[in-house]
PDB file of N, CA and C in Angstrom:
ATOM      1  N   UNK A   1     -39.357  20.987 -87.093  1.00  0.00           N
ATOM      2  CA  UNK A   1     -38.064  20.398 -87.013  1.00  0.00           C
ATOM      3  C   UNK A   1     -37.072  21.264 -87.785  1.00  0.00           C
ATOM      4  N   UNK A   2     -35.886  21.456 -87.205  1.00  0.00           N
ATOM      5  CA  UNK A   2     -34.892  22.316 -87.840  1.00  0.00           C
ATOM      6  C   UNK A   2     -34.138  21.543 -88.913  1.00  0.00           C
ATOM      7  N   UNK A   3     -33.933  22.187 -90.051  1.00  0.00           N
ATOM      8  CA  UNK A   3     -33.186  21.569 -91.126  1.00  0.00           C
ATOM      9  C   UNK A   3     -31.695  21.804 -90.906  1.00  0.00           C
ATOM     10  N   UNK A   4     -30.909  20.838 -91.360  1.00  0.00           N
ATOM     11  CA  UNK A   4     -29.460  20.983 -91.233  1.00  0.00           C
ATOM     12  C   UNK A   4     -28.962  21.997 -92.247  1.00  0.00           C
ATOM     13  N   UNK A   5     -27.978  22.739 -91.846  1.00  0.00           N
ATOM     14  CA  UNK A   5     -27.347  23.679 -92.759  1.00  0.00           C
ATOM     15  C   UNK A   5     -26.444  22.916 -93.715  1.00  0.00           C
ATOM     16  N   UNK A   6     -26.126  23.531 -94.812  1.00  0.00           N
ATOM     17  CA  UNK A   6     -25.272  22.906 -95.813  1.00  0.00           C
ATOM     18  C   UNK A   6     -23.901  22.536 -95.235  1.00  0.00           C
ATOM     19  N   UNK A   7     -23.345  23.369 -94.337  1.00  0.00           N
ATOM     20  CA  UNK A   7     -22.014  23.109 -93.799  1.00  0.00           C
ATOM     21  C   UNK A   7     -22.035  21.970 -92.778  1.00  0.00           C
ATOM     22  N   UNK A   8     -23.200  21.633 -92.240  1.00  0.00           N
ATOM     23  CA  UNK A   8     -23.292  20.581 -91.239  1.00  0.00           C
ATOM     24  C   UNK A   8     -23.517  19.202 -91.851  1.00  0.00           C
ATOM     25  N   UNK A   9     -23.754  19.120 -93.152  1.00  0.00           N
ATOM     26  CA  UNK A   9     -23.992  17.835 -93.791  1.00  0.00           C
ATOM     27  C   UNK A   9     -22.716  16.999 -93.811  1.00  0.00           C
ATOM     28  N   UNK A  10     -22.919  15.702 -93.694  1.00  0.00           N
ATOM     29  CA  UNK A  10     -21.779  14.791 -93.823  1.00  0.00           C
ATOM     30  C   UNK A  10     -21.405  14.696 -95.293  1.00  0.00           C
ATOM     31  N   UNK A  11     -20.114  14.520 -95.579  1.00  0.00           N
ATOM     32  CA  UNK A  11     -19.720  14.334 -96.972  1.00  0.00           C
ATOM     33  C   UNK A  11     -20.326  13.040 -97.507  1.00  0.00           C
ATOM     34  N   UNK A  12     -20.437  12.962 -98.809  1.00  0.00           N
ATOM     35  CA  UNK A  12     -21.042  11.767 -99.372  1.00  0.00           C
ATOM     36  C   UNK A  12     -20.155  10.549 -99.139  1.00  0.00           C
ATOM     37  N   UNK A  13     -20.707   9.386 -99.419  1.00  0.00           N
ATOM     38  CA  UNK A  13     -20.044   8.122 -99.110  1.00  0.00           C
ATOM     39  C   UNK A  13     -18.715   7.978 -99.845  1.00  0.00           C
ATOM     40  N   UNK A  14     -18.615   8.483-101.057  1.00  0.00           N
ATOM     41  CA  UNK A  14     -17.387   8.336-101.830  1.00  0.00           C
ATOM     42  C   UNK A  14     -16.246   9.153-101.232  1.00  0.00           C
ATOM     43  N   UNK A  15     -16.548  10.357-100.746  1.00  0.00           N
ATOM     44  CA  UNK A  15     -15.508  11.164-100.109  1.00  0.00           C
ATOM     45  C   UNK A  15     -15.042  10.522 -98.815  1.00  0.00           C
ATOM     46  N   UNK A  16     -15.984   9.987 -98.039  1.00  0.00           N
ATOM     47  CA  UNK A  16     -15.608   9.340 -96.776  1.00  0.00           C
ATOM     48  C   UNK A  16     -14.785   8.083 -97.038  1.00  0.00           C
ATOM     49  N   UNK A  17     -15.184   7.289 -98.026  1.00  0.00           N
ATOM     50  CA  UNK A  17     -14.418   6.087 -98.344  1.00  0.00           C
ATOM     51  C   UNK A  17     -13.037   6.445 -98.874  1.00  0.00           C
ATOM     52  N   UNK A  18     -12.954   7.478 -99.682  1.00  0.00           N
ATOM     53  CA  UNK A  18     -11.666   7.911-100.229  1.00  0.00           C
ATOM     54  C   UNK A  18     -10.699   8.317 -99.136  1.00  0.00           C
ATOM     55  N   UNK A  19     -11.209   9.041 -98.142  1.00  0.00           N
ATOM     56  CA  UNK A  19     -10.347   9.446 -97.029  1.00  0.00           C
ATOM     57  C   UNK A  19      -9.894   8.233 -96.231  1.00  0.00           C
ATOM     58  N   UNK A  20     -10.789   7.277 -96.039  1.00  0.00           N
ATOM     59  CA  UNK A  20     -10.438   6.068 -95.299  1.00  0.00           C
ATOM     60  C   UNK A  20      -9.404   5.231 -96.029  1.00  0.00           C
ATOM     61  N   UNK A  21      -9.566   5.101 -97.334  1.00  0.00           N
ATOM     62  CA  UNK A  21      -8.621   4.324 -98.130  1.00  0.00           C
ATOM     63  C   UNK A  21      -7.255   5.012 -98.145  1.00  0.00           C
ATOM     64  N   UNK A  22      -7.251   6.328 -98.282  1.00  0.00           N
ATOM     65  CA  UNK A  22      -5.983   7.071 -98.286  1.00  0.00           C
ATOM     66  C   UNK A  22      -5.265   6.906 -96.954  1.00  0.00           C
ATOM     67  N   UNK A  23      -6.001   6.977 -95.849  1.00  0.00           N
ATOM     68  CA  UNK A  23      -5.407   6.797 -94.522  1.00  0.00           C
ATOM     69  C   UNK A  23      -4.846   5.391 -94.380  1.00  0.00           C
ATOM     70  N   UNK A  24      -5.573   4.407 -94.889  1.00  0.00           N
ATOM     71  CA  UNK A  24      -5.118   3.019 -94.831  1.00  0.00           C
ATOM     72  C   UNK A  24      -3.754   2.866 -95.507  1.00  0.00           C
ATOM     73  N   UNK A  25      -3.592   3.428 -96.705  1.00  0.00           N
ATOM     74  CA  UNK A  25      -2.326   3.293 -97.416  1.00  0.00           C
ATOM     75  C   UNK A  25      -1.215   4.117 -96.768  1.00  0.00           C
ATOM     76  N   UNK A  26      -1.542   5.247 -96.177  1.00  0.00           N
ATOM     77  CA  UNK A  26      -0.527   6.010 -95.436  1.00  0.00           C
ATOM     78  C   UNK A  26      -0.032   5.204 -94.238  1.00  0.00           C
ATOM     79  N   UNK A  27      -0.950   4.548 -93.543  1.00  0.00           N
ATOM     80  CA  UNK A  27      -0.581   3.721 -92.397  1.00  0.00           C
ATOM     81  C   UNK A  27       0.289   2.536 -92.829  1.00  0.00           C
ATOM     82  N   UNK A  28      -0.038   1.934 -93.965  1.00  0.00           N
ATOM     83  CA  UNK A  28       0.776   0.827 -94.482  1.00  0.00           C
ATOM     84  C   UNK A  28       2.199   1.307 -94.752  1.00  0.00           C
ATOM     85  N   UNK A  29       2.323   2.450 -95.390  1.00  0.00           N
ATOM     86  CA  UNK A  29       3.641   2.999 -95.710  1.00  0.00           C
ATOM     87  C   UNK A  29       4.445   3.232 -94.431  1.00  0.00           C
ATOM     88  N   UNK A  30       3.786   3.747 -93.399  1.00  0.00           N
ATOM     89  CA  UNK A  30       4.467   3.980 -92.125  1.00  0.00           C
ATOM     90  C   UNK A  30       4.913   2.689 -91.463  1.00  0.00           C
ATOM     91  N   UNK A  31       4.088   1.645 -91.549  1.00  0.00           N
ATOM     92  CA  UNK A  31       4.445   0.367 -90.945  1.00  0.00           C
ATOM     93  C   UNK A  31       5.580  -0.307 -91.704  1.00  0.00           C
ATOM     94  N   UNK A  32       5.591  -0.187 -93.027  1.00  0.00           N
ATOM     95  CA  UNK A  32       6.656  -0.801 -93.820  1.00  0.00           C
ATOM     96  C   UNK A  32       8.005  -0.158 -93.483  1.00  0.00           C
ATOM     97  N   UNK A  33       8.009   1.129 -93.176  1.00  0.00           N
ATOM     98  CA  UNK A  33       9.255   1.798 -92.811  1.00  0.00           C
ATOM     99  C   UNK A  33       9.811   1.275 -91.491  1.00  0.00           C
ATOM    100  N   UNK A  34       8.964   0.695 -90.637  1.00  0.00           N
ATOM    101  CA  UNK A  34       9.396   0.192 -89.330  1.00  0.00           C
ATOM    102  C   UNK A  34       9.999  -1.214 -89.399  1.00  0.00           C
ATOM    103  N   UNK A  35       9.874  -1.892 -90.535  1.00  0.00           N
ATOM    104  CA  UNK A  35      10.355  -3.271 -90.650  1.00  0.00           C
ATOM    105  C   UNK A  35      11.873  -3.294 -90.581  1.00  0.00           C
ATOM    106  N   UNK A  36      12.397  -4.235 -89.778  1.00  0.00           N
ATOM    107  CA  UNK A  36      13.839  -4.451 -89.701  1.00  0.00           C
ATOM    108  C   UNK A  36      14.107  -5.828 -90.275  1.00  0.00           C
ATOM    109  N   UNK A  37      14.776  -5.869 -91.424  1.00  0.00           N
ATOM    110  CA  UNK A  37      15.043  -7.135 -92.094  1.00  0.00           C
ATOM    111  C   UNK A  37      16.284  -7.769 -91.499  1.00  0.00           C
ATOM    112  N   UNK A  38      16.300  -9.115 -91.386  1.00  0.00           N
ATOM    113  CA  UNK A  38      17.491  -9.785 -90.845  1.00  0.00           C
ATOM    114  C   UNK A  38      18.650  -9.738 -91.834  1.00  0.00           C
ATOM    115  N   UNK A  39      19.835  -9.848 -91.288  1.00  0.00           N
ATOM    116  CA  UNK A  39      21.025  -9.870 -92.139  1.00  0.00           C
ATOM    117  C   UNK A  39      21.105 -11.223 -92.839  1.00  0.00           C
ATOM    118  N   UNK A  40      21.859 -11.309 -93.924  1.00  0.00           N
ATOM    119  CA  UNK A  40      22.012 -12.610 -94.598  1.00  0.00           C
ATOM    120  C   UNK A  40      22.585 -13.691 -93.668  1.00  0.00           C
ATOM    121  N   UNK A  41      23.504 -13.301 -92.778  1.00  0.00           N
ATOM    122  CA  UNK A  41      24.084 -14.270 -91.854  1.00  0.00           C
ATOM    123  C   UNK A  41      23.014 -14.795 -90.893  1.00  0.00           C
ATOM    124  N   UNK A  42      22.173 -13.917 -90.363  1.00  0.00           N
ATOM    125  CA  UNK A  42      21.110 -14.348 -89.451  1.00  0.00           C
ATOM    126  C   UNK A  42      20.111 -15.247 -90.170  1.00  0.00           C
ATOM    127  N   UNK A  43      19.826 -14.941 -91.425  1.00  0.00           N
ATOM    128  CA  UNK A  43      18.921 -15.777 -92.221  1.00  0.00           C
ATOM    129  C   UNK A  43      19.530 -17.161 -92.435  1.00  0.00           C
ATOM    130  N   UNK A  44      20.808 -17.222 -92.726  1.00  0.00           N
ATOM    131  CA  UNK A  44      21.495 -18.496 -92.926  1.00  0.00           C
ATOM    132  C   UNK A  44      21.482 -19.328 -91.653  1.00  0.00           C
ATOM    133  N   UNK A  45      21.754 -18.705 -90.511  1.00  0.00           N
ATOM    134  CA  UNK A  45      21.747 -19.414 -89.232  1.00  0.00           C
ATOM    135  C   UNK A  45      20.344 -19.929 -88.913  1.00  0.00           C
ATOM    136  N   UNK A  46      19.342 -19.107 -89.116  1.00  0.00           N
ATOM    137  CA  UNK A  46      17.964 -19.523 -88.844  1.00  0.00           C
ATOM    138  C   UNK A  46      17.554 -20.685 -89.747  1.00  0.00           C
ATOM    139  N   UNK A  47      17.962 -20.638 -91.008  1.00  0.00           N
ATOM    140  CA  UNK A  47      17.654 -21.733 -91.930  1.00  0.00           C
ATOM    141  C   UNK A  47      18.317 -23.026 -91.471  1.00  0.00           C
ATOM    142  N   UNK A  48      19.545 -22.935 -91.012  1.00  0.00           N
ATOM    143  CA  UNK A  48      20.246 -24.115 -90.497  1.00  0.00           C
ATOM    144  C   UNK A  48      19.547 -24.703 -89.278  1.00  0.00           C
ATOM    145  N   UNK A  49      19.072 -23.837 -88.387  1.00  0.00           N
ATOM    146  CA  UNK A  49      18.371 -24.306 -87.197  1.00  0.00           C
ATOM    147  C   UNK A  49      17.080 -25.017 -87.583  1.00  0.00           C
ATOM    148  N   UNK A  50      16.355 -24.469 -88.545  1.00  0.00           N
ATOM    149  CA  UNK A  50      15.108 -25.091 -88.998  1.00  0.00           C
ATOM    150  C   UNK A  50      15.385 -26.451 -89.624  1.00  0.00           C
ATOM    151  N   UNK A  51      16.392 -26.531 -90.489  1.00  0.00           N
ATOM    152  CA  UNK A  51      16.716 -27.806 -91.135  1.00  0.00           C
ATOM    153  C   UNK A  51      17.162 -28.851 -90.117  1.00  0.00           C
ATOM    154  N   UNK A  52      17.974 -28.457 -89.153  1.00  0.00           N
ATOM    155  CA  UNK A  52      18.413 -29.378 -88.103  1.00  0.00           C
ATOM    156  C   UNK A  52      17.233 -29.864 -87.267  1.00  0.00           C
ATOM    157  N   UNK A  53      16.317 -28.953 -86.936  1.00  0.00           N
ATOM    158  CA  UNK A  53      15.123 -29.333 -86.172  1.00  0.00           C
ATOM    159  C   UNK A  53      14.271 -30.321 -86.956  1.00  0.00           C
ATOM    160  N   UNK A  54      14.126 -30.084 -88.249  1.00  0.00           N
ATOM    161  CA  UNK A  54      13.351 -31.003 -89.088  1.00  0.00           C
ATOM    162  C   UNK A  54      14.012 -32.378 -89.126  1.00  0.00           C
ATOM    163  N   UNK A  55      15.314 -32.425 -89.209  1.00  0.00           N
ATOM    164  CA  UNK A  55      16.029 -33.694 -89.236  1.00  0.00           C
ATOM    165  C   UNK A  55      15.833 -34.460 -87.922  1.00  0.00           C
ATOM    166  N   UNK A  56      15.954 -33.770 -86.801  1.00  0.00           N
ATOM    167  CA  UNK A  56      15.779 -34.410 -85.497  1.00  0.00           C
ATOM    168  C   UNK A  56      14.362 -34.946 -85.331  1.00  0.00           C
ATOM    169  N   UNK A  57      13.369 -34.150 -85.686  1.00  0.00           N
ATOM    170  CA  UNK A  57      11.973 -34.597 -85.579  1.00  0.00           C
ATOM    171  C   UNK A  57      11.719 -35.768 -86.516  1.00  0.00           C
ATOM    172  N   UNK A  58      12.273 -35.730 -87.718  1.00  0.00           N
ATOM    173  CA  UNK A  58      12.118 -36.836 -88.660  1.00  0.00           C
ATOM    174  C   UNK A  58      12.715 -38.120 -88.129  1.00  0.00           C
ATOM    175  N   UNK A  59      13.898 -38.035 -87.515  1.00  0.00           N
ATOM    176  CA  UNK A  59      14.536 -39.223 -86.937  1.00  0.00           C
ATOM    177  C   UNK A  59      13.693 -39.753 -85.775  1.00  0.00           C
ATOM    178  N   UNK A  60      13.178 -38.874 -84.928  1.00  0.00           N
ATOM    179  CA  UNK A  60      12.356 -39.315 -83.802  1.00  0.00           C
ATOM    180  C   UNK A  60      11.067 -39.982 -84.273  1.00  0.00           C
ATOM    181  N   UNK A  61      10.420 -39.415 -85.267  1.00  0.00           N
ATOM    182  CA  UNK A  61       9.183 -40.015 -85.786  1.00  0.00           C
ATOM    183  C   UNK A  61       9.485 -41.363 -86.448  1.00  0.00           C
ATOM    184  N   UNK A  62      10.598 -41.455 -87.185  1.00  0.00           N
ATOM    185  CA  UNK A  62      10.967 -42.717 -87.808  1.00  0.00           C
ATOM    186  C   UNK A  62      11.262 -43.778 -86.754  1.00  0.00           C
ATOM    187  N   UNK A  63      11.984 -43.411 -85.700  1.00  0.00           N
ATOM    188  CA  UNK A  63      12.287 -44.360 -84.622  1.00  0.00           C
ATOM    189  C   UNK A  63      11.004 -44.824 -83.932  1.00  0.00           C
ATOM    190  N   UNK A  64      10.084 -43.910 -83.677  1.00  0.00           N
ATOM    191  CA  UNK A  64       8.808 -44.278 -83.055  1.00  0.00           C
ATOM    192  C   UNK A  64       8.024 -45.207 -83.973  1.00  0.00           C
ATOM    193  N   UNK A  65       8.007 -44.920 -85.254  1.00  0.00           N
ATOM    194  CA  UNK A  65       7.297 -45.750 -86.213  1.00  0.00           C
ATOM    195  C   UNK A  65       7.910 -47.150 -86.270  1.00  0.00           C
ATOM    196  N   UNK A  66       9.234 -47.216 -86.339  1.00  0.00           N
ATOM    197  CA  UNK A  66       9.912 -48.511 -86.384  1.00  0.00           C
ATOM    198  C   UNK A  66       9.647 -49.297 -85.103  1.00  0.00           C
ATOM    199  N   UNK A  67       9.733 -48.632 -83.955  1.00  0.00           N
ATOM    200  CA  UNK A  67       9.498 -49.302 -82.672  1.00  0.00           C
ATOM    201  C   UNK A  67       8.077 -49.830 -82.561  1.00  0.00           C
ATOM    202  N   UNK A  68       7.096 -49.043 -82.934  1.00  0.00           N
ATOM    203  CA  UNK A  68       5.708 -49.499 -82.861  1.00  0.00           C
ATOM    204  C   UNK A  68       5.441 -50.619 -83.862  1.00  0.00           C
ATOM    205  N   UNK A  69       6.068 -50.550 -85.034  1.00  0.00           N
ATOM    206  CA  UNK A  69       5.921 -51.611 -86.035  1.00  0.00           C
ATOM    207  C   UNK A  69       6.501 -52.916 -85.496  1.00  0.00           C
ATOM    208  N   UNK A  70       7.674 -52.833 -84.879  1.00  0.00           N
ATOM    209  CA  UNK A  70       8.303 -54.008 -84.288  1.00  0.00           C
ATOM    210  C   UNK A  70       7.438 -54.567 -83.162  1.00  0.00           C
ATOM    211  N   UNK A  71       6.916 -53.743 -82.301  1.00  0.00           N
ATOM    212  CA  UNK A  71       6.061 -54.171 -81.186  1.00  0.00           C
ATOM    213  C   UNK A  71       4.792 -54.822 -81.697  1.00  0.00           C
ATOM    214  N   UNK A  72       4.165 -54.245 -82.684  1.00  0.00           N
ATOM    215  CA  UNK A  72       2.944 -54.813 -83.249  1.00  0.00           C
ATOM    216  C   UNK A  72       3.241 -56.167 -83.902  1.00  0.00           C
ATOM    217  N   UNK A  73       4.357 -56.277 -84.616  1.00  0.00           N
ATOM    218  CA  UNK A  73       4.759 -57.558 -85.217  1.00  0.00           C
ATOM    219  C   UNK A  73       5.006 -58.604 -84.150  1.00  0.00           C
ATOM    220  N   UNK A  74       5.659 -58.225 -83.066  1.00  0.00           N
ATOM    221  CA  UNK A  74       5.924 -59.154 -81.959  1.00  0.00           C
ATOM    222  C   UNK A  74       4.622 -59.631 -81.316  1.00  0.00           C
ATOM    223  N   UNK A  75       3.691 -58.725 -81.098  1.00  0.00           N
ATOM    224  CA  UNK A  75       2.407 -59.101 -80.479  1.00  0.00           C
ATOM    225  C   UNK A  75       1.574 -59.967 -81.400  1.00  0.00           C
ATOM    226  N   UNK A  76       1.646 -59.757 -82.690  1.00  0.00           N
ATOM    227  CA  UNK A  76       0.855 -60.551 -83.640  1.00  0.00           C
ATOM    228  C   UNK A  76       1.407 -61.981 -83.728  1.00  0.00           C
ATOM    229  N   UNK A  77       2.720 -62.160 -83.628  1.00  0.00           N
ATOM    230  CA  UNK A  77       3.302 -63.496 -83.694  1.00  0.00           C
ATOM    231  C   UNK A  77       3.082 -64.250 -82.392  1.00  0.00           C
ATOM    232  N   UNK A  78       3.009 -63.550 -81.263  1.00  0.00           N
ATOM    233  CA  UNK A  78       2.776 -64.202 -79.973  1.00  0.00           C
ATOM    234  C   UNK A  78       1.335 -64.691 -79.901  1.00  0.00           C
ATOM    235  N   UNK A  79       0.419 -63.882 -80.386  1.00  0.00           N
ATOM    236  CA  UNK A  79      -1.012 -64.249 -80.298  1.00  0.00           C
ATOM    237  C   UNK A  79      -1.292 -65.287 -81.301  1.00  0.00           C
TER     238      UNK A  79
END
């Protein structure tokens, strides 16, 4: 069986891991440069939309709860 030459050996595990970790952080840096942050005005508008949506859903859930409570009370008094 032929022995591998010194130049054909794979680098040790620490060198391979080091290269992988370095590439990982280079890729992170490249991705962070691609981020487009919203303007303060867009953030304010989005926050308003979220708060309004929460208010509408809260009112709908409260109305459903009140209606079902009233219906259950009506059925219990009839029976």
